[in-house]
Amino acid sequence: MSLVKSKQRVADHGEVFTPAWMVEAMLNLVKDETERIDSRFLEPACGSGNFLVQVLRRKLTAVELKYGKSDFERRHYALLGLMCIYGIELLPDNIAECRANLLEIFAEHLNLDPPDDLYRAASCVLGLNLVHGDALTMRAHDGQPIAFAEWGYLGKGRFQRRDFRFDSLTQSSAFSAEGSLFAQLGKHEIFTPTKTYPPTTVGELAAGAPEGPA
């Protein structure tokens, strides 16, 4: 794979893709986290997904080891692993490619076709978790503040979604810094969701998914 798409894109956006060997070496620095199904990863300049694809592969391997004997649990925990992967990307072709790459890995691993509810639910999740926007301004391409959906698995096929603004989440280090003006504030004042949704199922997520790959 070429590390650049064009010299112009390098000049305009500083776009250079990370080689596969370096991705693996960097992920191995946090190996235990990459292999934990519910650990959350955010790539603020995700490109076409070089890092996120490998994180997903590792999570899916962990799912197989822990839940491979139960197809129901295997499918739902695989979706949870996908739900814990986030990205922001400035360029529209890259974010579309990133979503497609992750969906392809997920679908191939579980042998899913586009009409499958789990495929469509995954497409819906990727449309929310992988944001077309600017991580520096913390705004999406439409000018709105970037928000992320936090997903949790409640068991028995039900998931919980809560939305948080990215700019609020990034302030957590300042709030907790010793001696700062915000040091006495509790976490409940920092991590307040902008919206909490009723528990949902794969079928309900699939009903909200776009036609075809995201």
N, C-alpha and C. Protein backbone atom coordinates (compact mmCIF):
# COMPACT_ATOMS: atom_id res chain seq x y z
N MET A 1 0.83 -1.19 0.00
CA MET A 1 0.00 0.00 0.00
C MET A 1 0.87 1.25 0.00
N SER A 2 0.57 2.23 -0.86
CA SER A 2 1.28 3.49 -0.88
C SER A 2 0.96 4.28 0.39
N LEU A 3 1.97 4.99 0.89
CA LEU A 3 1.78 5.76 2.11
C LEU A 3 1.19 7.14 1.83
N VAL A 4 1.04 7.50 0.56
CA VAL A 4 0.40 8.77 0.19
C VAL A 4 -0.54 8.53 -0.98
N LYS A 5 -1.62 9.33 -1.04
CA LYS A 5 -2.54 9.26 -2.18
C LYS A 5 -2.12 10.22 -3.28
N SER A 6 -1.60 11.37 -2.87
CA SER A 6 -1.07 12.33 -3.84
C SER A 6 -0.20 13.33 -3.11
N LYS A 7 0.76 13.92 -3.83
CA LYS A 7 1.62 14.93 -3.23
C LYS A 7 0.81 16.15 -2.81
N GLN A 8 -0.25 16.44 -3.57
CA GLN A 8 -1.08 17.59 -3.25
C GLN A 8 -1.77 17.41 -1.91
N ARG A 9 -2.25 16.21 -1.65
CA ARG A 9 -2.92 15.94 -0.37
C ARG A 9 -1.93 16.02 0.79
N VAL A 10 -0.70 15.61 0.54
CA VAL A 10 0.33 15.75 1.57
C VAL A 10 0.56 17.22 1.87
N ALA A 11 0.65 18.02 0.81
CA ALA A 11 0.91 19.45 0.97
C ALA A 11 -0.28 20.15 1.64
N ASP A 12 -1.51 19.78 1.24
CA ASP A 12 -2.70 20.47 1.76
C ASP A 12 -3.09 20.02 3.16
N HIS A 13 -2.94 18.71 3.43
CA HIS A 13 -3.47 18.16 4.67
C HIS A 13 -2.45 17.39 5.52
N GLY A 14 -1.21 17.29 5.03
CA GLY A 14 -0.23 16.50 5.76
C GLY A 14 -0.59 15.03 5.81
N GLU A 15 -1.29 14.54 4.78
CA GLU A 15 -1.80 13.17 4.79
C GLU A 15 -0.72 12.17 4.40
N VAL A 16 -0.31 11.36 5.36
CA VAL A 16 0.61 10.26 5.13
C VAL A 16 0.10 9.08 5.95
N PHE A 17 -0.03 7.92 5.32
CA PHE A 17 -0.58 6.76 5.99
C PHE A 17 0.51 5.96 6.71
N THR A 18 0.13 5.39 7.86
CA THR A 18 1.08 4.64 8.68
C THR A 18 1.25 3.23 8.12
N PRO A 19 2.49 2.78 7.91
CA PRO A 19 2.70 1.42 7.38
C PRO A 19 2.24 0.35 8.36
N ALA A 20 1.89 -0.80 7.82
CA ALA A 20 1.30 -1.88 8.63
C ALA A 20 2.22 -2.32 9.77
N TRP A 21 3.52 -2.41 9.51
CA TRP A 21 4.44 -2.88 10.55
C TRP A 21 4.47 -1.92 11.73
N MET A 22 4.36 -0.62 11.43
CA MET A 22 4.38 0.37 12.50
C MET A 22 3.08 0.35 13.29
N VAL A 23 1.96 0.13 12.59
CA VAL A 23 0.67 0.00 13.27
C VAL A 23 0.73 -1.13 14.29
N GLU A 24 1.23 -2.29 13.86
CA GLU A 24 1.30 -3.44 14.76
C GLU A 24 2.24 -3.16 15.94
N ALA A 25 3.36 -2.54 15.67
CA ALA A 25 4.31 -2.24 16.74
C ALA A 25 3.71 -1.29 17.77
N MET A 26 2.98 -0.29 17.30
CA MET A 26 2.38 0.68 18.22
C MET A 26 1.25 0.06 19.02
N LEU A 27 0.43 -0.77 18.36
CA LEU A 27 -0.66 -1.43 19.08
C LEU A 27 -0.13 -2.42 20.11
N ASN A 28 1.02 -3.01 19.83
CA ASN A 28 1.60 -3.95 20.79
C ASN A 28 2.05 -3.27 22.08
N LEU A 29 2.23 -1.96 22.02
CA LEU A 29 2.57 -1.21 23.23
C LEU A 29 1.42 -1.19 24.23
N VAL A 30 0.21 -1.37 23.71
CA VAL A 30 -0.99 -1.43 24.57
C VAL A 30 -1.75 -2.72 24.25
N LYS A 31 -1.01 -3.81 24.13
CA LYS A 31 -1.54 -5.08 23.65
C LYS A 31 -2.76 -5.54 24.43
N ASP A 32 -2.71 -5.47 25.75
CA ASP A 32 -3.82 -5.96 26.58
C ASP A 32 -5.10 -5.18 26.29
N GLU A 33 -4.96 -3.87 26.10
CA GLU A 33 -6.15 -3.07 25.81
C GLU A 33 -6.72 -3.38 24.44
N THR A 34 -5.85 -3.62 23.46
CA THR A 34 -6.35 -3.93 22.10
C THR A 34 -7.09 -5.25 22.07
N GLU A 35 -6.82 -6.12 23.05
CA GLU A 35 -7.46 -7.44 23.08
C GLU A 35 -8.60 -7.50 24.09
N ARG A 36 -8.96 -6.36 24.67
CA ARG A 36 -10.12 -6.30 25.57
C ARG A 36 -11.32 -5.83 24.77
N ILE A 37 -12.38 -6.60 24.78
CA ILE A 37 -13.52 -6.36 23.90
C ILE A 37 -14.13 -4.99 24.11
N ASP A 38 -14.24 -4.55 25.36
CA ASP A 38 -14.94 -3.30 25.64
C ASP A 38 -14.02 -2.10 25.87
N SER A 39 -12.73 -2.24 25.55
CA SER A 39 -11.85 -1.07 25.64
C SER A 39 -12.15 -0.15 24.46
N ARG A 40 -12.14 1.16 24.73
CA ARG A 40 -12.50 2.14 23.69
C ARG A 40 -11.27 2.76 23.06
N PHE A 41 -11.28 2.84 21.74
CA PHE A 41 -10.19 3.43 20.99
C PHE A 41 -10.72 4.56 20.12
N LEU A 42 -10.05 5.72 20.16
CA LEU A 42 -10.37 6.84 19.29
C LEU A 42 -9.14 7.21 18.49
N GLU A 43 -9.26 7.24 17.17
CA GLU A 43 -8.20 7.71 16.28
C GLU A 43 -8.64 9.06 15.72
N PRO A 44 -8.03 10.17 16.16
CA PRO A 44 -8.52 11.49 15.77
C PRO A 44 -8.19 11.91 14.34
N ALA A 45 -7.36 11.13 13.66
CA ALA A 45 -7.10 11.36 12.24
C ALA A 45 -7.02 9.98 11.60
N CYS A 46 -8.17 9.33 11.48
CA CYS A 46 -8.20 7.88 11.23
C CYS A 46 -7.91 7.49 9.79
N GLY A 47 -7.91 8.46 8.84
CA GLY A 47 -7.65 8.10 7.45
C GLY A 47 -8.61 7.03 6.97
N SER A 48 -8.07 6.01 6.32
CA SER A 48 -8.91 4.92 5.83
C SER A 48 -8.99 3.77 6.83
N GLY A 49 -8.41 3.96 8.01
CA GLY A 49 -8.62 2.99 9.09
C GLY A 49 -7.49 2.02 9.36
N ASN A 50 -6.25 2.38 9.02
CA ASN A 50 -5.13 1.45 9.24
C ASN A 50 -5.05 0.96 10.68
N PHE A 51 -5.17 1.86 11.63
CA PHE A 51 -5.12 1.47 13.04
C PHE A 51 -6.41 0.78 13.47
N LEU A 52 -7.54 1.36 13.09
CA LEU A 52 -8.83 0.86 13.58
C LEU A 52 -9.15 -0.53 13.06
N VAL A 53 -8.74 -0.82 11.83
CA VAL A 53 -8.95 -2.16 11.27
C VAL A 53 -8.22 -3.20 12.13
N GLN A 54 -6.98 -2.91 12.50
CA GLN A 54 -6.22 -3.88 13.29
C GLN A 54 -6.75 -4.00 14.71
N VAL A 55 -7.24 -2.89 15.26
CA VAL A 55 -7.88 -2.97 16.59
C VAL A 55 -9.11 -3.87 16.52
N LEU A 56 -9.90 -3.70 15.46
CA LEU A 56 -11.10 -4.54 15.31
C LEU A 56 -10.72 -6.01 15.16
N ARG A 57 -9.71 -6.29 14.37
CA ARG A 57 -9.28 -7.69 14.20
C ARG A 57 -8.92 -8.31 15.55
N ARG A 58 -8.21 -7.57 16.37
CA ARG A 58 -7.80 -8.09 17.68
C ARG A 58 -9.01 -8.30 18.60
N LYS A 59 -9.95 -7.39 18.55
CA LYS A 59 -11.15 -7.52 19.37
C LYS A 59 -11.97 -8.75 18.93
N LEU A 60 -12.08 -8.94 17.63
CA LEU A 60 -12.85 -10.08 17.12
C LEU A 60 -12.18 -11.41 17.50
N THR A 61 -10.87 -11.42 17.51
CA THR A 61 -10.15 -12.62 17.97
C THR A 61 -10.45 -12.89 19.44
N ALA A 62 -10.50 -11.83 20.24
CA ALA A 62 -10.82 -11.98 21.67
C ALA A 62 -12.24 -12.50 21.86
N VAL A 63 -13.15 -12.04 21.03
CA VAL A 63 -14.54 -12.52 21.09
C VAL A 63 -14.59 -14.02 20.81
N GLU A 64 -13.86 -14.47 19.80
CA GLU A 64 -13.85 -15.89 19.45
C GLU A 64 -13.33 -16.73 20.61
N LEU A 65 -12.29 -16.25 21.26
CA LEU A 65 -11.70 -17.01 22.36
C LEU A 65 -12.65 -17.12 23.55
N LYS A 66 -13.42 -16.07 23.80
CA LYS A 66 -14.25 -16.03 24.99
C LYS A 66 -15.68 -16.50 24.74
N TYR A 67 -16.22 -16.22 23.55
CA TYR A 67 -17.65 -16.49 23.29
C TYR A 67 -17.89 -17.34 22.04
N GLY A 68 -16.84 -17.96 21.52
CA GLY A 68 -16.96 -18.69 20.27
C GLY A 68 -17.93 -19.87 20.31
N LYS A 69 -18.23 -20.38 21.49
CA LYS A 69 -19.10 -21.55 21.58
C LYS A 69 -20.59 -21.19 21.57
N SER A 70 -20.89 -19.91 21.69
CA SER A 70 -22.29 -19.46 21.66
C SER A 70 -22.45 -18.46 20.53
N ASP A 71 -23.20 -18.82 19.50
CA ASP A 71 -23.35 -17.93 18.35
C ASP A 71 -24.04 -16.64 18.75
N PHE A 72 -25.01 -16.72 19.67
CA PHE A 72 -25.73 -15.52 20.12
C PHE A 72 -24.77 -14.55 20.79
N GLU A 73 -23.99 -15.05 21.76
CA GLU A 73 -23.06 -14.18 22.46
C GLU A 73 -21.94 -13.72 21.53
N ARG A 74 -21.48 -14.60 20.68
CA ARG A 74 -20.41 -14.25 19.72
C ARG A 74 -20.81 -13.07 18.86
N ARG A 75 -22.02 -13.10 18.33
CA ARG A 75 -22.48 -12.03 17.46
C ARG A 75 -22.66 -10.71 18.22
N HIS A 76 -23.21 -10.79 19.42
CA HIS A 76 -23.49 -9.57 20.17
C HIS A 76 -22.21 -8.95 20.75
N TYR A 77 -21.29 -9.78 21.20
CA TYR A 77 -20.04 -9.23 21.71
C TYR A 77 -19.13 -8.73 20.58
N ALA A 78 -19.26 -9.33 19.40
CA ALA A 78 -18.54 -8.80 18.24
C ALA A 78 -19.03 -7.40 17.92
N LEU A 79 -20.35 -7.20 17.99
CA LEU A 79 -20.91 -5.87 17.75
C LEU A 79 -20.44 -4.90 18.83
N LEU A 80 -20.37 -5.35 20.08
CA LEU A 80 -19.87 -4.49 21.15
C LEU A 80 -18.43 -4.06 20.87
N GLY A 81 -17.61 -5.00 20.40
CA GLY A 81 -16.23 -4.65 20.06
C GLY A 81 -16.18 -3.55 19.01
N LEU A 82 -17.02 -3.67 18.00
CA LEU A 82 -17.10 -2.64 16.95
C LEU A 82 -17.59 -1.32 17.54
N MET A 83 -18.54 -1.40 18.45
CA MET A 83 -19.11 -0.19 19.07
C MET A 83 -18.08 0.60 19.87
N CYS A 84 -16.99 -0.04 20.25
CA CYS A 84 -15.98 0.61 21.09
C CYS A 84 -14.84 1.21 20.27
N ILE A 85 -15.04 1.30 18.95
CA ILE A 85 -14.03 1.87 18.06
C ILE A 85 -14.56 3.17 17.47
N TYR A 86 -13.73 4.23 17.57
CA TYR A 86 -14.14 5.57 17.15
C TYR A 86 -13.07 6.20 16.27
N GLY A 87 -13.51 7.09 15.39
CA GLY A 87 -12.56 7.80 14.55
C GLY A 87 -13.10 9.14 14.11
N ILE A 88 -12.20 10.05 13.82
CA ILE A 88 -12.53 11.35 13.21
C ILE A 88 -11.62 11.51 12.01
N GLU A 89 -12.18 11.99 10.90
CA GLU A 89 -11.39 12.17 9.69
C GLU A 89 -11.88 13.38 8.92
N LEU A 90 -10.93 14.20 8.48
CA LEU A 90 -11.24 15.45 7.80
C LEU A 90 -11.72 15.24 6.37
N LEU A 91 -11.14 14.27 5.66
CA LEU A 91 -11.41 14.11 4.23
C LEU A 91 -12.54 13.12 3.98
N PRO A 92 -13.53 13.50 3.17
CA PRO A 92 -14.73 12.66 2.99
C PRO A 92 -14.46 11.30 2.36
N ASP A 93 -13.51 11.22 1.41
CA ASP A 93 -13.25 9.92 0.80
C ASP A 93 -12.61 8.97 1.78
N ASN A 94 -11.77 9.52 2.68
CA ASN A 94 -11.12 8.67 3.68
C ASN A 94 -12.13 8.11 4.69
N ILE A 95 -13.05 8.94 5.17
CA ILE A 95 -13.99 8.47 6.19
C ILE A 95 -14.92 7.42 5.58
N ALA A 96 -15.31 7.60 4.32
CA ALA A 96 -16.15 6.60 3.66
C ALA A 96 -15.40 5.28 3.51
N GLU A 97 -14.12 5.37 3.16
CA GLU A 97 -13.30 4.17 3.00
C GLU A 97 -13.07 3.48 4.34
N CYS A 98 -12.88 4.28 5.39
CA CYS A 98 -12.68 3.72 6.72
C CYS A 98 -13.91 2.93 7.16
N ARG A 99 -15.09 3.53 7.00
CA ARG A 99 -16.32 2.83 7.37
C ARG A 99 -16.47 1.53 6.58
N ALA A 100 -16.20 1.60 5.28
CA ALA A 100 -16.33 0.41 4.43
C ALA A 100 -15.34 -0.67 4.83
N ASN A 101 -14.11 -0.28 5.15
CA ASN A 101 -13.09 -1.26 5.53
C ASN A 101 -13.46 -1.99 6.82
N LEU A 102 -13.93 -1.24 7.83
CA LEU A 102 -14.31 -1.87 9.09
C LEU A 102 -15.54 -2.76 8.92
N LEU A 103 -16.48 -2.30 8.12
CA LEU A 103 -17.69 -3.10 7.89
C LEU A 103 -17.34 -4.40 7.17
N GLU A 104 -16.42 -4.32 6.24
CA GLU A 104 -16.00 -5.52 5.50
C GLU A 104 -15.34 -6.54 6.43
N ILE A 105 -14.45 -6.07 7.30
CA ILE A 105 -13.78 -6.97 8.25
C ILE A 105 -14.82 -7.63 9.15
N PHE A 106 -15.74 -6.83 9.68
CA PHE A 106 -16.78 -7.34 10.58
C PHE A 106 -17.67 -8.36 9.88
N ALA A 107 -18.10 -8.04 8.67
CA ALA A 107 -19.01 -8.92 7.93
C ALA A 107 -18.33 -10.22 7.54
N GLU A 108 -17.09 -10.14 7.10
CA GLU A 108 -16.36 -11.36 6.71
C GLU A 108 -16.14 -12.27 7.91
N HIS A 109 -15.83 -11.68 9.05
CA HIS A 109 -15.57 -12.49 10.25
C HIS A 109 -16.80 -13.26 10.68
N LEU A 110 -17.98 -12.65 10.56
CA LEU A 110 -19.22 -13.28 11.02
C LEU A 110 -20.04 -13.87 9.88
N ASN A 111 -19.46 -13.81 8.66
CA ASN A 111 -20.13 -14.36 7.48
C ASN A 111 -21.52 -13.72 7.27
N LEU A 112 -21.54 -12.39 7.24
CA LEU A 112 -22.79 -11.65 7.12
C LEU A 112 -22.99 -11.13 5.70
N ASP A 113 -24.23 -11.07 5.29
CA ASP A 113 -24.62 -10.44 4.03
C ASP A 113 -25.32 -9.12 4.34
N PRO A 114 -25.35 -8.18 3.36
CA PRO A 114 -25.98 -6.87 3.61
C PRO A 114 -27.41 -6.91 4.16
N PRO A 115 -28.26 -7.88 3.77
CA PRO A 115 -29.61 -7.89 4.35
C PRO A 115 -29.67 -8.31 5.81
N ASP A 116 -28.59 -8.90 6.33
CA ASP A 116 -28.58 -9.39 7.71
C ASP A 116 -28.73 -8.22 8.68
N ASP A 117 -29.58 -8.38 9.69
CA ASP A 117 -29.79 -7.33 10.68
C ASP A 117 -28.48 -6.91 11.35
N LEU A 118 -27.60 -7.87 11.63
CA LEU A 118 -26.34 -7.54 12.30
C LEU A 118 -25.45 -6.70 11.39
N TYR A 119 -25.44 -6.99 10.11
CA TYR A 119 -24.69 -6.20 9.13
C TYR A 119 -25.20 -4.77 9.12
N ARG A 120 -26.52 -4.62 9.09
CA ARG A 120 -27.12 -3.29 9.02
C ARG A 120 -26.94 -2.53 10.34
N ALA A 121 -26.98 -3.25 11.45
CA ALA A 121 -26.72 -2.61 12.74
C ALA A 121 -25.28 -2.11 12.80
N ALA A 122 -24.35 -2.92 12.30
CA ALA A 122 -22.94 -2.51 12.28
C ALA A 122 -22.75 -1.28 11.41
N SER A 123 -23.44 -1.23 10.28
CA SER A 123 -23.36 -0.07 9.40
C SER A 123 -23.86 1.18 10.10
N CYS A 124 -24.93 1.03 10.86
CA CYS A 124 -25.50 2.15 11.62
C CYS A 124 -24.49 2.64 12.67
N VAL A 125 -23.88 1.71 13.38
CA VAL A 125 -22.90 2.07 14.41
C VAL A 125 -21.72 2.80 13.80
N LEU A 126 -21.21 2.31 12.68
CA LEU A 126 -20.06 2.94 12.04
C LEU A 126 -20.39 4.34 11.55
N GLY A 127 -21.63 4.54 11.12
CA GLY A 127 -22.05 5.86 10.70
C GLY A 127 -22.03 6.87 11.83
N LEU A 128 -22.21 6.38 13.06
CA LEU A 128 -22.19 7.25 14.24
C LEU A 128 -20.80 7.38 14.85
N ASN A 129 -20.05 6.27 14.89
CA ASN A 129 -18.76 6.25 15.58
C ASN A 129 -17.62 6.84 14.76
N LEU A 130 -17.72 6.78 13.44
CA LEU A 130 -16.67 7.31 12.58
C LEU A 130 -17.18 8.61 11.97
N VAL A 131 -16.61 9.71 12.44
CA VAL A 131 -17.16 11.03 12.17
C VAL A 131 -16.36 11.77 11.10
N HIS A 132 -17.07 12.33 10.14
CA HIS A 132 -16.45 13.21 9.15
C HIS A 132 -16.37 14.60 9.77
N GLY A 133 -15.18 14.98 10.21
CA GLY A 133 -15.03 16.25 10.88
C GLY A 133 -13.57 16.58 11.15
N ASP A 134 -13.35 17.59 11.98
CA ASP A 134 -12.03 18.09 12.29
C ASP A 134 -11.77 17.92 13.79
N ALA A 135 -10.81 17.08 14.13
CA ALA A 135 -10.53 16.82 15.55
C ALA A 135 -9.95 18.04 16.24
N LEU A 136 -9.33 18.96 15.50
CA LEU A 136 -8.75 20.15 16.12
C LEU A 136 -9.82 21.16 16.52
N THR A 137 -10.79 21.37 15.65
CA THR A 137 -11.88 22.30 15.98
C THR A 137 -12.99 21.60 16.77
N MET A 138 -12.94 20.26 16.76
CA MET A 138 -13.94 19.43 17.43
C MET A 138 -15.34 19.64 16.86
N ARG A 139 -15.38 19.90 15.56
CA ARG A 139 -16.66 20.08 14.88
C ARG A 139 -16.76 19.15 13.67
N ALA A 140 -17.98 18.66 13.44
CA ALA A 140 -18.24 17.81 12.29
C ALA A 140 -18.24 18.65 11.03
N HIS A 141 -18.32 17.98 9.87
CA HIS A 141 -18.23 18.70 8.59
C HIS A 141 -19.38 19.68 8.39
N ASP A 142 -20.49 19.48 9.11
CA ASP A 142 -21.62 20.40 9.00
C ASP A 142 -21.54 21.56 9.99
N GLY A 143 -20.43 21.65 10.73
CA GLY A 143 -20.24 22.74 11.67
C GLY A 143 -20.74 22.48 13.07
N GLN A 144 -21.44 21.38 13.25
CA GLN A 144 -21.96 21.05 14.58
C GLN A 144 -20.85 20.44 15.45
N PRO A 145 -20.94 20.62 16.78
CA PRO A 145 -19.94 19.99 17.67
C PRO A 145 -19.96 18.48 17.49
N ILE A 146 -18.78 17.88 17.46
CA ILE A 146 -18.68 16.43 17.34
C ILE A 146 -19.22 15.78 18.61
N ALA A 147 -20.06 14.79 18.43
CA ALA A 147 -20.59 14.01 19.54
C ALA A 147 -20.36 12.53 19.25
N PHE A 148 -20.10 11.78 20.29
CA PHE A 148 -19.90 10.34 20.15
C PHE A 148 -20.94 9.57 20.95
N ALA A 149 -21.33 8.44 20.42
CA ALA A 149 -22.24 7.54 21.12
C ALA A 149 -21.42 6.57 21.96
N GLU A 150 -21.67 6.54 23.25
CA GLU A 150 -21.08 5.53 24.13
C GLU A 150 -22.05 4.35 24.19
N TRP A 151 -21.56 3.17 23.85
CA TRP A 151 -22.39 1.98 23.81
C TRP A 151 -22.02 1.04 24.94
N GLY A 152 -23.01 0.40 25.52
CA GLY A 152 -22.78 -0.63 26.52
C GLY A 152 -23.68 -1.82 26.24
N TYR A 153 -23.18 -3.00 26.51
CA TYR A 153 -24.00 -4.21 26.32
C TYR A 153 -24.63 -4.59 27.65
N LEU A 154 -25.95 -4.64 27.66
CA LEU A 154 -26.71 -4.94 28.88
C LEU A 154 -26.95 -6.44 29.05
N GLY A 155 -26.61 -7.22 28.02
CA GLY A 155 -26.90 -8.65 28.04
C GLY A 155 -28.23 -8.95 27.39
N LYS A 156 -28.45 -10.21 27.05
CA LYS A 156 -29.70 -10.68 26.44
C LYS A 156 -30.05 -9.91 25.17
N GLY A 157 -29.02 -9.49 24.45
CA GLY A 157 -29.23 -8.87 23.14
C GLY A 157 -29.61 -7.41 23.17
N ARG A 158 -29.44 -6.73 24.32
CA ARG A 158 -29.83 -5.32 24.42
C ARG A 158 -28.61 -4.43 24.66
N PHE A 159 -28.60 -3.29 23.98
CA PHE A 159 -27.51 -2.33 24.09
C PHE A 159 -28.03 -1.00 24.60
N GLN A 160 -27.16 -0.28 25.30
CA GLN A 160 -27.50 1.05 25.81
C GLN A 160 -26.63 2.09 25.12
N ARG A 161 -27.25 3.18 24.67
CA ARG A 161 -26.51 4.27 24.03
C ARG A 161 -26.68 5.56 24.82
N ARG A 162 -25.53 6.24 25.04
CA ARG A 162 -25.54 7.59 25.61
C ARG A 162 -24.62 8.45 24.75
N ASP A 163 -25.02 9.67 24.44
CA ASP A 163 -24.23 10.56 23.60
C ASP A 163 -23.48 11.58 24.45
N PHE A 164 -22.23 11.84 24.07
CA PHE A 164 -21.39 12.82 24.75
C PHE A 164 -20.73 13.74 23.73
N ARG A 165 -20.59 15.00 24.08
CA ARG A 165 -19.87 15.92 23.22
C ARG A 165 -18.37 15.71 23.37
N PHE A 166 -17.68 15.68 22.24
CA PHE A 166 -16.25 15.44 22.22
C PHE A 166 -15.49 16.52 22.98
N ASP A 167 -15.89 17.78 22.83
CA ASP A 167 -15.17 18.85 23.50
C ASP A 167 -15.28 18.75 25.02
N SER A 168 -16.40 18.24 25.51
CA SER A 168 -16.53 18.04 26.95
C SER A 168 -15.64 16.91 27.45
N LEU A 169 -15.58 15.83 26.69
CA LEU A 169 -14.75 14.70 27.10
C LEU A 169 -13.28 15.06 27.15
N THR A 170 -12.82 15.90 26.21
CA THR A 170 -11.40 16.23 26.16
C THR A 170 -10.97 17.16 27.29
N GLN A 171 -11.94 17.73 27.99
CA GLN A 171 -11.61 18.59 29.11
C GLN A 171 -11.33 17.81 30.40
N SER A 172 -11.49 16.51 30.37
CA SER A 172 -11.38 15.71 31.60
C SER A 172 -10.02 15.83 32.25
N SER A 173 -8.94 15.89 31.44
CA SER A 173 -7.60 15.99 32.02
C SER A 173 -7.42 17.31 32.76
N ALA A 174 -7.99 18.38 32.20
CA ALA A 174 -7.90 19.68 32.86
C ALA A 174 -8.71 19.70 34.15
N PHE A 175 -9.85 19.03 34.13
CA PHE A 175 -10.70 19.00 35.32
C PHE A 175 -10.03 18.24 36.45
N SER A 176 -9.26 17.22 36.12
CA SER A 176 -8.69 16.36 37.16
C SER A 176 -7.28 16.77 37.55
N ALA A 177 -6.69 17.72 36.82
CA ALA A 177 -5.31 18.10 37.11
C ALA A 177 -5.20 18.70 38.51
N GLU A 178 -4.23 18.21 39.25
CA GLU A 178 -4.03 18.69 40.63
C GLU A 178 -3.70 20.18 40.62
N GLY A 179 -4.38 20.94 41.47
CA GLY A 179 -4.11 22.36 41.57
C GLY A 179 -4.84 23.21 40.55
N SER A 180 -5.61 22.58 39.64
CA SER A 180 -6.34 23.35 38.64
C SER A 180 -7.61 23.93 39.26
N LEU A 181 -8.20 24.85 38.54
CA LEU A 181 -9.44 25.47 39.01
C LEU A 181 -10.57 24.46 39.11
N PHE A 182 -10.43 23.33 38.37
CA PHE A 182 -11.53 22.37 38.27
C PHE A 182 -11.28 21.11 39.08
N ALA A 183 -10.21 21.10 39.88
CA ALA A 183 -9.80 19.87 40.54
C ALA A 183 -10.85 19.31 41.48
N GLN A 184 -11.71 20.17 42.02
CA GLN A 184 -12.69 19.72 43.00
C GLN A 184 -13.99 19.24 42.36
N LEU A 185 -14.11 19.40 41.06
CA LEU A 185 -15.35 18.96 40.41
C LEU A 185 -15.37 17.45 40.29
N GLY A 186 -16.53 16.87 40.50
CA GLY A 186 -16.68 15.42 40.39
C GLY A 186 -16.87 14.99 38.96
N LYS A 187 -16.67 13.69 38.72
CA LYS A 187 -16.81 13.18 37.36
C LYS A 187 -18.23 13.35 36.84
N HIS A 188 -19.22 13.38 37.74
CA HIS A 188 -20.59 13.53 37.28
C HIS A 188 -20.80 14.88 36.62
N GLU A 189 -19.94 15.86 36.94
CA GLU A 189 -20.07 17.17 36.34
C GLU A 189 -19.31 17.27 35.02
N ILE A 190 -18.45 16.30 34.77
CA ILE A 190 -17.66 16.29 33.54
C ILE A 190 -18.34 15.43 32.48
N PHE A 191 -18.65 14.21 32.85
CA PHE A 191 -19.15 13.24 31.89
C PHE A 191 -20.68 13.16 31.94
N THR A 192 -21.33 14.26 31.60
CA THR A 192 -22.78 14.30 31.55
C THR A 192 -23.24 14.09 30.11
N PRO A 193 -23.99 13.03 29.84
CA PRO A 193 -24.43 12.79 28.46
C PRO A 193 -25.39 13.86 27.98
N THR A 194 -25.30 14.17 26.69
CA THR A 194 -26.25 15.10 26.10
C THR A 194 -27.59 14.42 25.84
N LYS A 195 -27.55 13.09 25.72
CA LYS A 195 -28.79 12.34 25.51
C LYS A 195 -28.57 10.89 25.91
N THR A 196 -29.57 10.30 26.54
CA THR A 196 -29.56 8.88 26.88
C THR A 196 -30.75 8.22 26.20
N TYR A 197 -30.50 7.08 25.54
CA TYR A 197 -31.52 6.41 24.76
C TYR A 197 -32.04 5.17 25.50
N PRO A 198 -33.26 4.76 25.21
CA PRO A 198 -33.76 3.50 25.77
C PRO A 198 -32.92 2.33 25.26
N PRO A 199 -32.85 1.24 26.01
CA PRO A 199 -32.15 0.06 25.53
C PRO A 199 -32.66 -0.35 24.15
N THR A 200 -31.75 -0.84 23.31
CA THR A 200 -32.10 -1.17 21.93
C THR A 200 -31.55 -2.54 21.57
N THR A 201 -32.10 -3.13 20.54
CA THR A 201 -31.67 -4.44 20.05
C THR A 201 -31.00 -4.31 18.69
N VAL A 202 -30.39 -5.39 18.24
CA VAL A 202 -29.77 -5.40 16.92
C VAL A 202 -30.80 -5.08 15.84
N GLY A 203 -31.99 -5.67 15.97
CA GLY A 203 -33.03 -5.41 14.99
C GLY A 203 -33.44 -3.94 14.93
N GLU A 204 -33.52 -3.31 16.10
CA GLU A 204 -33.89 -1.90 16.14
C GLU A 204 -32.78 -1.02 15.58
N LEU A 205 -31.53 -1.38 15.85
CA LEU A 205 -30.43 -0.65 15.25
C LEU A 205 -30.43 -0.81 13.74
N ALA A 206 -30.69 -2.02 13.29
CA ALA A 206 -30.71 -2.30 11.85
C ALA A 206 -31.78 -1.48 11.15
N ALA A 207 -32.89 -1.26 11.82
CA ALA A 207 -33.98 -0.50 11.21
C ALA A 207 -33.59 0.95 10.95
N GLY A 208 -32.58 1.43 11.70
CA GLY A 208 -32.14 2.80 11.51
C GLY A 208 -30.92 2.92 10.62
N ALA A 209 -30.47 1.79 10.06
CA ALA A 209 -29.27 1.80 9.24
C ALA A 209 -29.58 2.25 7.82
N PRO A 210 -28.60 2.90 7.15
CA PRO A 210 -28.79 3.28 5.75
C PRO A 210 -28.78 2.07 4.84
N GLU A 211 -29.28 2.23 3.64
CA GLU A 211 -29.25 1.15 2.66
C GLU A 211 -27.80 0.91 2.24
N GLY A 212 -27.37 -0.36 2.31
CA GLY A 212 -26.05 -0.71 1.85
C GLY A 212 -24.98 -0.24 2.84
N PRO A 213 -23.69 -0.41 2.46
CA PRO A 213 -22.60 0.00 3.33
C PRO A 213 -22.64 1.49 3.62
N ALA A 214 -22.20 1.87 4.84
CA ALA A 214 -22.17 3.29 5.20
C ALA A 214 -21.15 4.05 4.37
